[in-house]
All heavy atoms as atom14 arrays in JSON, in Angstrom:
{
  "sequence": "AIIEILVLWGLIIGTIFVFRKHSKTAAYLLIPYILWVSFATILTI",
  "atom14_mask": [
    [1, 1, 1, 1, 1, 0, 0, 0, 0, 0, 0, 0, 0, 0],
    [1, 1, 1, 1, 1, 1, 1, 1, 0, 0, 0, 0, 0, 0],
    [1, 1, 1, 1, 1, 1, 1, 1, 0, 0, 0, 0, 0, 0],
    [1, 1, 1, 1, 1, 1, 1, 1, 1, 0, 0, 0, 0, 0],
    [1, 1, 1, 1, 1, 1, 1, 1, 0, 0, 0, 0, 0, 0],
    [1, 1, 1, 1, 1, 1, 1, 1, 0, 0, 0, 0, 0, 0],
    [1, 1, 1, 1, 1, 1, 1, 0, 0, 0, 0, 0, 0, 0],
    [1, 1, 1, 1, 1, 1, 1, 1, 0, 0, 0, 0, 0, 0],
    [1, 1, 1, 1, 1, 1, 1, 1, 1, 1, 1, 1, 1, 1],
    [1, 1, 1, 1, 0, 0, 0, 0, 0, 0, 0, 0, 0, 0],
    [1, 1, 1, 1, 1, 1, 1, 1, 0, 0, 0, 0, 0, 0],
    [1, 1, 1, 1, 1, 1, 1, 1, 0, 0, 0, 0, 0, 0],
    [1, 1, 1, 1, 1, 1, 1, 1, 0, 0, 0, 0, 0, 0],
    [1, 1, 1, 1, 0, 0, 0, 0, 0, 0, 0, 0, 0, 0],
    [1, 1, 1, 1, 1, 1, 1, 0, 0, 0, 0, 0, 0, 0],
    [1, 1, 1, 1, 1, 1, 1, 1, 0, 0, 0, 0, 0, 0],
    [1, 1, 1, 1, 1, 1, 1, 1, 1, 1, 1, 0, 0, 0],
    [1, 1, 1, 1, 1, 1, 1, 0, 0, 0, 0, 0, 0, 0],
    [1, 1, 1, 1, 1, 1, 1, 1, 1, 1, 1, 0, 0, 0],
    [1, 1, 1, 1, 1, 1, 1, 1, 1, 1, 1, 0, 0, 0],
    [1, 1, 1, 1, 1, 1, 1, 1, 1, 0, 0, 0, 0, 0],
    [1, 1, 1, 1, 1, 1, 1, 1, 1, 1, 0, 0, 0, 0],
    [1, 1, 1, 1, 1, 1, 0, 0, 0, 0, 0, 0, 0, 0],
    [1, 1, 1, 1, 1, 1, 1, 1, 1, 0, 0, 0, 0, 0],
    [1, 1, 1, 1, 1, 1, 1, 0, 0, 0, 0, 0, 0, 0],
    [1, 1, 1, 1, 1, 0, 0, 0, 0, 0, 0, 0, 0, 0],
    [1, 1, 1, 1, 1, 0, 0, 0, 0, 0, 0, 0, 0, 0],
    [1, 1, 1, 1, 1, 1, 1, 1, 1, 1, 1, 1, 0, 0],
    [1, 1, 1, 1, 1, 1, 1, 1, 0, 0, 0, 0, 0, 0],
    [1, 1, 1, 1, 1, 1, 1, 1, 0, 0, 0, 0, 0, 0],
    [1, 1, 1, 1, 1, 1, 1, 1, 0, 0, 0, 0, 0, 0],
    [1, 1, 1, 1, 1, 1, 1, 0, 0, 0, 0, 0, 0, 0],
    [1, 1, 1, 1, 1, 1, 1, 1, 1, 1, 1, 1, 0, 0],
    [1, 1, 1, 1, 1, 1, 1, 1, 0, 0, 0, 0, 0, 0],
    [1, 1, 1, 1, 1, 1, 1, 1, 0, 0, 0, 0, 0, 0],
    [1, 1, 1, 1, 1, 1, 1, 1, 1, 1, 1, 1, 1, 1],
    [1, 1, 1, 1, 1, 1, 1, 0, 0, 0, 0, 0, 0, 0],
    [1, 1, 1, 1, 1, 1, 0, 0, 0, 0, 0, 0, 0, 0],
    [1, 1, 1, 1, 1, 1, 1, 1, 1, 1, 1, 0, 0, 0],
    [1, 1, 1, 1, 1, 0, 0, 0, 0, 0, 0, 0, 0, 0],
    [1, 1, 1, 1, 1, 1, 1, 0, 0, 0, 0, 0, 0, 0],
    [1, 1, 1, 1, 1, 1, 1, 1, 0, 0, 0, 0, 0, 0],
    [1, 1, 1, 1, 1, 1, 1, 1, 0, 0, 0, 0, 0, 0],
    [1, 1, 1, 1, 1, 1, 1, 0, 0, 0, 0, 0, 0, 0],
    [1, 1, 1, 1, 1, 1, 1, 1, 0, 0, 0, 0, 0, 0]
  ],
  "atom14_positions": [
    [[119.21, 92.7, 99.11], [119.25, 92.65, 100.58], [119.78, 93.95, 101.15], [119.32, 94.41, 102.2], [120.08, 91.46, 101.04], [0.0, 0.0, 0.0], [0.0, 0.0, 0.0], [0.0, 0.0, 0.0], [0.0, 0.0, 0.0], [0.0, 0.0, 0.0], [0.0, 0.0, 0.0], [0.0, 0.0, 0.0], [0.0, 0.0, 0.0], [0.0, 0.0, 0.0]],
    [[120.75, 94.56, 100.46], [121.28, 95.85, 100.91], [120.19, 96.92, 100.83], [119.99, 97.69, 101.78], [122.51, 96.28, 100.07], [123.7, 95.36, 100.36], [122.87, 97.74, 100.33], [124.85, 95.52, 99.38], [0.0, 0.0, 0.0], [0.0, 0.0, 0.0], [0.0, 0.0, 0.0], [0.0, 0.0, 0.0], [0.0, 0.0, 0.0], [0.0, 0.0, 0.0]],
    [[119.51, 96.98, 99.71], [118.44, 97.98, 99.55], [117.38, 97.77, 100.62], [116.93, 98.72, 101.27], [117.83, 97.88, 98.13], [118.89, 98.28, 97.1], [116.58, 98.74, 98.01], [118.54, 97.91, 95.67], [0.0, 0.0, 0.0], [0.0, 0.0, 0.0], [0.0, 0.0, 0.0], [0.0, 0.0, 0.0], [0.0, 0.0, 0.0], [0.0, 0.0, 0.0]],
    [[117.0, 96.52, 100.84], [115.96, 96.2, 101.81], [116.4, 96.57, 103.23], [115.62, 97.14, 103.99], [115.63, 94.71, 101.71], [114.32, 94.33, 102.34], [114.41, 93.92, 103.79], [115.45, 94.09, 104.45], [113.4, 93.42, 104.29], [0.0, 0.0, 0.0], [0.0, 0.0, 0.0], [0.0, 0.0, 0.0], [0.0, 0.0, 0.0], [0.0, 0.0, 0.0]],
    [[117.64, 96.28, 103.58], [118.09, 96.57, 104.95], [118.22, 98.08, 105.18], [118.04, 98.56, 106.3], [119.38, 95.81, 105.32], [119.5, 95.66, 106.84], [120.61, 96.47, 104.73], [120.59, 94.7, 107.3], [0.0, 0.0, 0.0], [0.0, 0.0, 0.0], [0.0, 0.0, 0.0], [0.0, 0.0, 0.0], [0.0, 0.0, 0.0], [0.0, 0.0, 0.0]],
    [[118.51, 98.83, 104.12], [118.56, 100.29, 104.27], [117.16, 100.85, 104.54], [117.0, 101.76, 105.36], [119.19, 100.93, 103.03], [120.69, 100.67, 102.86], [121.16, 101.15, 101.49], [121.49, 101.33, 103.98], [0.0, 0.0, 0.0], [0.0, 0.0, 0.0], [0.0, 0.0, 0.0], [0.0, 0.0, 0.0], [0.0, 0.0, 0.0], [0.0, 0.0, 0.0]],
    [[116.16, 100.3, 103.87], [114.77, 100.71, 104.14], [114.39, 100.28, 105.57], [113.78, 101.05, 106.31], [113.8, 100.11, 103.1], [112.35, 100.43, 103.46], [114.13, 100.64, 101.7], [0.0, 0.0, 0.0], [0.0, 0.0, 0.0], [0.0, 0.0, 0.0], [0.0, 0.0, 0.0], [0.0, 0.0, 0.0], [0.0, 0.0, 0.0], [0.0, 0.0, 0.0]],
    [[114.76, 99.07, 105.94], [114.52, 98.59, 107.3], [115.15, 99.53, 108.32], [114.51, 99.91, 109.31], [115.1, 97.17, 107.47], [115.16, 96.61, 108.89], [113.77, 96.51, 109.5], [115.84, 95.24, 108.89], [0.0, 0.0, 0.0], [0.0, 0.0, 0.0], [0.0, 0.0, 0.0], [0.0, 0.0, 0.0], [0.0, 0.0, 0.0], [0.0, 0.0, 0.0]],
    [[116.38, 99.93, 108.09], [117.09, 100.84, 108.99], [116.3, 102.13, 109.18], [116.11, 102.6, 110.3], [118.49, 101.12, 108.43], [119.41, 101.81, 109.38], [120.27, 101.22, 110.25], [119.56, 103.22, 109.56], [120.96, 102.18, 110.96], [120.54, 103.43, 110.55], [118.97, 104.34, 108.97], [120.92, 104.69, 110.97], [119.35, 105.6, 109.4], [120.33, 105.76, 110.39]],
    [[115.81, 102.69, 108.08], [115.02, 103.91, 108.15], [113.74, 103.72, 108.94], [113.33, 104.6, 109.72], [0.0, 0.0, 0.0], [0.0, 0.0, 0.0], [0.0, 0.0, 0.0], [0.0, 0.0, 0.0], [0.0, 0.0, 0.0], [0.0, 0.0, 0.0], [0.0, 0.0, 0.0], [0.0, 0.0, 0.0], [0.0, 0.0, 0.0], [0.0, 0.0, 0.0]],
    [[113.09, 102.58, 108.75], [111.85, 102.3, 109.49], [112.12, 102.13, 110.98], [111.32, 102.55, 111.81], [111.16, 101.06, 108.93], [110.37, 101.27, 107.65], [109.93, 99.94, 107.06], [109.17, 102.18, 107.88], [0.0, 0.0, 0.0], [0.0, 0.0, 0.0], [0.0, 0.0, 0.0], [0.0, 0.0, 0.0], [0.0, 0.0, 0.0], [0.0, 0.0, 0.0]],
    [[113.24, 101.53, 111.32], [113.58, 101.37, 112.74], [113.81, 102.75, 113.36], [113.32, 103.04, 114.46], [114.82, 100.47, 112.94], [114.53, 99.05, 112.46], [115.23, 100.45, 114.42], [115.77, 98.18, 112.33], [0.0, 0.0, 0.0], [0.0, 0.0, 0.0], [0.0, 0.0, 0.0], [0.0, 0.0, 0.0], [0.0, 0.0, 0.0], [0.0, 0.0, 0.0]],
    [[114.54, 103.61, 112.67], [114.76, 104.97, 113.17], [113.42, 105.68, 113.35], [113.17, 106.31, 114.39], [115.68, 105.77, 112.21], [117.1, 105.21, 112.22], [115.68, 107.26, 112.56], [117.85, 105.36, 113.53], [0.0, 0.0, 0.0], [0.0, 0.0, 0.0], [0.0, 0.0, 0.0], [0.0, 0.0, 0.0], [0.0, 0.0, 0.0], [0.0, 0.0, 0.0]],
    [[112.55, 105.56, 112.36], [111.22, 106.16, 112.47], [110.44, 105.6, 113.64], [109.77, 106.35, 114.38], [0.0, 0.0, 0.0], [0.0, 0.0, 0.0], [0.0, 0.0, 0.0], [0.0, 0.0, 0.0], [0.0, 0.0, 0.0], [0.0, 0.0, 0.0], [0.0, 0.0, 0.0], [0.0, 0.0, 0.0], [0.0, 0.0, 0.0], [0.0, 0.0, 0.0]],
    [[110.52, 104.3, 113.84], [109.83, 103.66, 114.97], [110.36, 104.19, 116.3], [109.59, 104.5, 117.21], [110.0, 102.13, 114.9], [109.49, 101.65, 113.65], [109.27, 101.44, 116.04], [0.0, 0.0, 0.0], [0.0, 0.0, 0.0], [0.0, 0.0, 0.0], [0.0, 0.0, 0.0], [0.0, 0.0, 0.0], [0.0, 0.0, 0.0], [0.0, 0.0, 0.0]],
    [[111.67, 104.32, 116.4], [112.26, 104.85, 117.63], [111.75, 106.25, 117.92], [111.34, 106.55, 119.05], [113.81, 104.82, 117.55], [114.33, 103.38, 117.59], [114.43, 105.64, 118.68], [115.81, 103.23, 117.27], [0.0, 0.0, 0.0], [0.0, 0.0, 0.0], [0.0, 0.0, 0.0], [0.0, 0.0, 0.0], [0.0, 0.0, 0.0], [0.0, 0.0, 0.0]],
    [[111.73, 107.11, 116.92], [111.28, 108.49, 117.14], [109.79, 108.55, 117.51], [109.41, 109.3, 118.41], [111.56, 109.36, 115.91], [112.96, 109.86, 115.86], [113.89, 109.28, 115.01], [113.39, 110.89, 116.69], [115.2, 109.73, 114.97], [114.7, 111.35, 116.66], [115.61, 110.76, 115.8], [0.0, 0.0, 0.0], [0.0, 0.0, 0.0], [0.0, 0.0, 0.0]],
    [[108.97, 107.74, 116.86], [107.54, 107.74, 117.17], [107.29, 107.09, 118.53], [106.47, 107.59, 119.32], [106.74, 107.04, 116.05], [105.29, 106.82, 116.46], [106.8, 107.88, 114.77], [0.0, 0.0, 0.0], [0.0, 0.0, 0.0], [0.0, 0.0, 0.0], [0.0, 0.0, 0.0], [0.0, 0.0, 0.0], [0.0, 0.0, 0.0], [0.0, 0.0, 0.0]],
    [[107.99, 106.0, 118.84], [107.83, 105.37, 120.15], [108.24, 106.32, 121.26], [107.63, 106.34, 122.32], [108.67, 104.09, 120.23], [107.97, 102.85, 119.75], [106.98, 102.9, 118.78], [108.32, 101.6, 120.24], [106.34, 101.75, 118.33], [107.69, 100.44, 119.81], [106.7, 100.52, 118.85], [0.0, 0.0, 0.0], [0.0, 0.0, 0.0], [0.0, 0.0, 0.0]],
    [[109.25, 107.13, 121.02], [109.75, 108.06, 122.05], [108.67, 109.05, 122.49], [108.65, 109.49, 123.63], [110.98, 108.79, 121.54], [111.7, 109.56, 122.64], [113.02, 110.14, 122.14], [113.81, 110.68, 123.22], [113.58, 111.86, 123.81], [112.57, 112.6, 123.42], [114.35, 112.28, 124.8], [0.0, 0.0, 0.0], [0.0, 0.0, 0.0], [0.0, 0.0, 0.0]],
    [[107.77, 109.39, 121.59], [106.67, 110.31, 121.94], [105.74, 109.7, 122.97], [105.06, 110.41, 123.71], [105.87, 110.67, 120.69], [106.64, 111.49, 119.69], [105.8, 111.74, 118.45], [106.62, 112.46, 117.4], [105.89, 112.59, 116.13], [0.0, 0.0, 0.0], [0.0, 0.0, 0.0], [0.0, 0.0, 0.0], [0.0, 0.0, 0.0], [0.0, 0.0, 0.0]],
    [[105.71, 108.38, 123.03], [104.79, 107.68, 123.93], [105.5, 107.06, 125.13], [104.91, 106.96, 126.21], [104.03, 106.6, 123.16], [103.29, 107.15, 121.98], [102.16, 107.91, 122.11], [103.56, 107.1, 120.66], [101.74, 108.28, 120.91], [102.58, 107.81, 120.02], [0.0, 0.0, 0.0], [0.0, 0.0, 0.0], [0.0, 0.0, 0.0], [0.0, 0.0, 0.0]],
    [[106.74, 106.65, 124.93], [107.51, 106.02, 126.02], [109.0, 106.1, 125.69], [109.46, 105.46, 124.74], [107.09, 104.56, 126.19], [108.01, 103.87, 127.01], [0.0, 0.0, 0.0], [0.0, 0.0, 0.0], [0.0, 0.0, 0.0], [0.0, 0.0, 0.0], [0.0, 0.0, 0.0], [0.0, 0.0, 0.0], [0.0, 0.0, 0.0], [0.0, 0.0, 0.0]],
    [[109.72, 106.87, 126.48], [111.16, 106.96, 126.26], [111.82, 105.6, 126.45], [112.73, 105.23, 125.71], [111.78, 107.99, 127.2], [111.44, 109.41, 126.83], [112.09, 110.4, 127.77], [111.66, 111.81, 127.37], [112.17, 112.82, 128.29], [0.0, 0.0, 0.0], [0.0, 0.0, 0.0], [0.0, 0.0, 0.0], [0.0, 0.0, 0.0], [0.0, 0.0, 0.0]],
    [[111.34, 104.84, 127.42], [111.9, 103.51, 127.66], [111.72, 102.62, 126.43], [112.63, 101.89, 126.05], [111.26, 102.86, 128.9], [111.46, 103.74, 130.02], [111.86, 101.51, 129.2], [0.0, 0.0, 0.0], [0.0, 0.0, 0.0], [0.0, 0.0, 0.0], [0.0, 0.0, 0.0], [0.0, 0.0, 0.0], [0.0, 0.0, 0.0], [0.0, 0.0, 0.0]],
    [[110.54, 102.69, 125.82], [110.27, 101.89, 124.62], [111.27, 102.25, 123.51], [111.78, 101.37, 122.82], [108.84, 102.1, 124.14], [0.0, 0.0, 0.0], [0.0, 0.0, 0.0], [0.0, 0.0, 0.0], [0.0, 0.0, 0.0], [0.0, 0.0, 0.0], [0.0, 0.0, 0.0], [0.0, 0.0, 0.0], [0.0, 0.0, 0.0], [0.0, 0.0, 0.0]],
    [[111.53, 103.53, 123.36], [112.49, 103.98, 122.34], [113.9, 103.49, 122.68], [114.62, 102.98, 121.82], [112.46, 105.5, 122.23], [0.0, 0.0, 0.0], [0.0, 0.0, 0.0], [0.0, 0.0, 0.0], [0.0, 0.0, 0.0], [0.0, 0.0, 0.0], [0.0, 0.0, 0.0], [0.0, 0.0, 0.0], [0.0, 0.0, 0.0], [0.0, 0.0, 0.0]],
    [[114.28, 103.63, 123.94], [115.64, 103.21, 124.35], [115.85, 101.71, 124.18], [116.96, 101.27, 123.88], [115.9, 103.61, 125.8], [115.91, 105.1, 126.04], [115.53, 105.62, 127.27], [116.28, 106.0, 125.04], [115.52, 106.99, 127.5], [116.27, 107.37, 125.27], [115.89, 107.86, 126.49], [115.89, 109.22, 126.7], [0.0, 0.0, 0.0], [0.0, 0.0, 0.0]],
    [[114.8, 100.93, 124.37], [114.91, 99.47, 124.21], [115.2, 99.07, 122.76], [115.66, 97.96, 122.5], [113.64, 98.78, 124.69], [113.45, 98.73, 126.2], [112.07, 98.21, 126.56], [114.53, 97.88, 126.86], [0.0, 0.0, 0.0], [0.0, 0.0, 0.0], [0.0, 0.0, 0.0], [0.0, 0.0, 0.0], [0.0, 0.0, 0.0], [0.0, 0.0, 0.0]],
    [[114.92, 99.98, 121.82], [115.19, 99.68, 120.41], [116.59, 100.11, 119.97], [117.0, 99.82, 118.85], [114.13, 100.35, 119.53], [112.7, 99.83, 119.71], [111.74, 100.59, 118.81], [112.62, 98.33, 119.44], [0.0, 0.0, 0.0], [0.0, 0.0, 0.0], [0.0, 0.0, 0.0], [0.0, 0.0, 0.0], [0.0, 0.0, 0.0], [0.0, 0.0, 0.0]],
    [[117.32, 100.78, 120.82], [118.67, 101.24, 120.45], [119.61, 100.06, 120.16], [120.32, 100.08, 119.14], [119.24, 102.22, 121.49], [118.45, 103.54, 121.39], [120.73, 102.46, 121.28], [118.77, 104.55, 122.45], [0.0, 0.0, 0.0], [0.0, 0.0, 0.0], [0.0, 0.0, 0.0], [0.0, 0.0, 0.0], [0.0, 0.0, 0.0], [0.0, 0.0, 0.0]],
    [[119.64, 99.0, 120.97], [120.51, 97.87, 120.6], [120.13, 97.26, 119.24], [121.0, 96.83, 118.48], [120.28, 96.85, 121.73], [119.79, 97.66, 122.87], [119.01, 98.8, 122.28], [0.0, 0.0, 0.0], [0.0, 0.0, 0.0], [0.0, 0.0, 0.0], [0.0, 0.0, 0.0], [0.0, 0.0, 0.0], [0.0, 0.0, 0.0], [0.0, 0.0, 0.0]],
    [[118.84, 97.28, 118.94], [118.34, 96.77, 117.66], [118.88, 97.59, 116.49], [119.42, 97.04, 115.53], [116.81, 96.78, 117.71], [116.09, 96.34, 116.47], [116.54, 95.3, 115.67], [114.89, 96.96, 116.12], [115.83, 94.91, 114.55], [114.18, 96.57, 115.01], [114.65, 95.54, 114.22], [113.94, 95.14, 113.11], [0.0, 0.0, 0.0], [0.0, 0.0, 0.0]],
    [[118.78, 98.91, 116.57], [119.27, 99.73, 115.46], [120.8, 99.62, 115.36], [121.34, 99.64, 114.24], [118.81, 101.21, 115.57], [119.09, 101.97, 114.25], [119.46, 101.95, 116.72], [118.37, 101.46, 113.04], [0.0, 0.0, 0.0], [0.0, 0.0, 0.0], [0.0, 0.0, 0.0], [0.0, 0.0, 0.0], [0.0, 0.0, 0.0], [0.0, 0.0, 0.0]],
    [[121.48, 99.48, 116.47], [122.93, 99.29, 116.42], [123.29, 97.98, 115.72], [124.21, 97.94, 114.89], [123.53, 99.35, 117.83], [123.46, 100.7, 118.53], [123.95, 100.59, 119.96], [124.25, 101.76, 117.76], [0.0, 0.0, 0.0], [0.0, 0.0, 0.0], [0.0, 0.0, 0.0], [0.0, 0.0, 0.0], [0.0, 0.0, 0.0], [0.0, 0.0, 0.0]],
    [[122.58, 96.91, 116.05], [122.86, 95.61, 115.43], [122.5, 95.62, 113.95], [123.24, 95.08, 113.12], [122.12, 94.5, 116.17], [122.48, 93.13, 115.67], [121.71, 92.33, 114.88], [123.69, 92.41, 115.89], [122.37, 91.15, 114.61], [123.59, 91.18, 115.22], [124.86, 92.69, 116.6], [124.6, 90.22, 115.23], [125.87, 91.74, 116.61], [125.74, 90.52, 115.93]],
    [[121.38, 96.25, 113.6], [121.01, 96.33, 112.18], [122.01, 97.21, 111.43], [122.32, 96.95, 110.27], [119.56, 96.81, 112.01], [119.23, 97.14, 110.55], [118.6, 95.74, 112.52], [0.0, 0.0, 0.0], [0.0, 0.0, 0.0], [0.0, 0.0, 0.0], [0.0, 0.0, 0.0], [0.0, 0.0, 0.0], [0.0, 0.0, 0.0], [0.0, 0.0, 0.0]],
    [[122.55, 98.23, 112.08], [123.6, 99.03, 111.46], [124.82, 98.16, 111.17], [125.41, 98.22, 110.07], [124.01, 100.19, 112.37], [122.92, 101.07, 112.57], [0.0, 0.0, 0.0], [0.0, 0.0, 0.0], [0.0, 0.0, 0.0], [0.0, 0.0, 0.0], [0.0, 0.0, 0.0], [0.0, 0.0, 0.0], [0.0, 0.0, 0.0], [0.0, 0.0, 0.0]],
    [[125.19, 97.34, 112.13], [126.31, 96.41, 111.94], [125.98, 95.4, 110.84], [126.83, 95.11, 109.98], [126.61, 95.7, 113.27], [127.74, 94.71, 113.19], [129.02, 95.12, 112.88], [127.52, 93.37, 113.44], [130.07, 94.22, 112.8], [128.55, 92.45, 113.39], [129.83, 92.88, 113.06], [0.0, 0.0, 0.0], [0.0, 0.0, 0.0], [0.0, 0.0, 0.0]],
    [[124.76, 94.88, 110.83], [124.34, 93.93, 109.79], [124.37, 94.58, 108.41], [124.7, 93.93, 107.41], [122.94, 93.39, 110.1], [0.0, 0.0, 0.0], [0.0, 0.0, 0.0], [0.0, 0.0, 0.0], [0.0, 0.0, 0.0], [0.0, 0.0, 0.0], [0.0, 0.0, 0.0], [0.0, 0.0, 0.0], [0.0, 0.0, 0.0], [0.0, 0.0, 0.0]],
    [[124.06, 95.87, 108.36], [124.11, 96.6, 107.09], [125.56, 96.67, 106.6], [125.84, 96.42, 105.41], [123.53, 98.02, 107.26], [122.18, 97.91, 107.73], [123.55, 98.79, 105.96], [0.0, 0.0, 0.0], [0.0, 0.0, 0.0], [0.0, 0.0, 0.0], [0.0, 0.0, 0.0], [0.0, 0.0, 0.0], [0.0, 0.0, 0.0], [0.0, 0.0, 0.0]],
    [[126.45, 96.98, 107.49], [127.88, 97.03, 107.14], [128.36, 95.65, 106.66], [129.07, 95.55, 105.66], [128.72, 97.53, 108.33], [128.4, 99.01, 108.59], [130.21, 97.33, 108.08], [128.91, 99.52, 109.92], [0.0, 0.0, 0.0], [0.0, 0.0, 0.0], [0.0, 0.0, 0.0], [0.0, 0.0, 0.0], [0.0, 0.0, 0.0], [0.0, 0.0, 0.0]],
    [[127.94, 94.6, 107.36], [128.32, 93.24, 106.96], [127.78, 92.92, 105.56], [128.5, 92.36, 104.73], [127.8, 92.21, 107.95], [128.47, 92.14, 109.31], [127.78, 91.09, 110.18], [129.95, 91.84, 109.18], [0.0, 0.0, 0.0], [0.0, 0.0, 0.0], [0.0, 0.0, 0.0], [0.0, 0.0, 0.0], [0.0, 0.0, 0.0], [0.0, 0.0, 0.0]],
    [[126.52, 93.25, 105.32], [125.89, 92.93, 104.04], [126.58, 93.68, 102.9], [126.89, 93.09, 101.85], [124.38, 93.28, 104.07], [123.77, 92.62, 105.19], [123.69, 92.82, 102.8], [0.0, 0.0, 0.0], [0.0, 0.0, 0.0], [0.0, 0.0, 0.0], [0.0, 0.0, 0.0], [0.0, 0.0, 0.0], [0.0, 0.0, 0.0], [0.0, 0.0, 0.0]],
    [[126.85, 94.95, 103.11], [127.54, 95.74, 102.08], [128.96, 95.18, 101.87], [129.41, 95.04, 100.72], [127.58, 97.23, 102.47], [126.17, 97.82, 102.4], [128.53, 98.01, 101.56], [126.03, 99.2, 103.01], [0.0, 0.0, 0.0], [0.0, 0.0, 0.0], [0.0, 0.0, 0.0], [0.0, 0.0, 0.0], [0.0, 0.0, 0.0], [0.0, 0.0, 0.0]]
  ]
}
């Protein structure tokens, strides 16, 4: 689960950067998500 969530974290970061090229708002809406997954990663570890 730790390995998987680390890959997930990287994909979310990638999604944010790619979404930002098309819509800054779309990218900003994913910031709470990456923050929560970061917290979930800390919890899992």
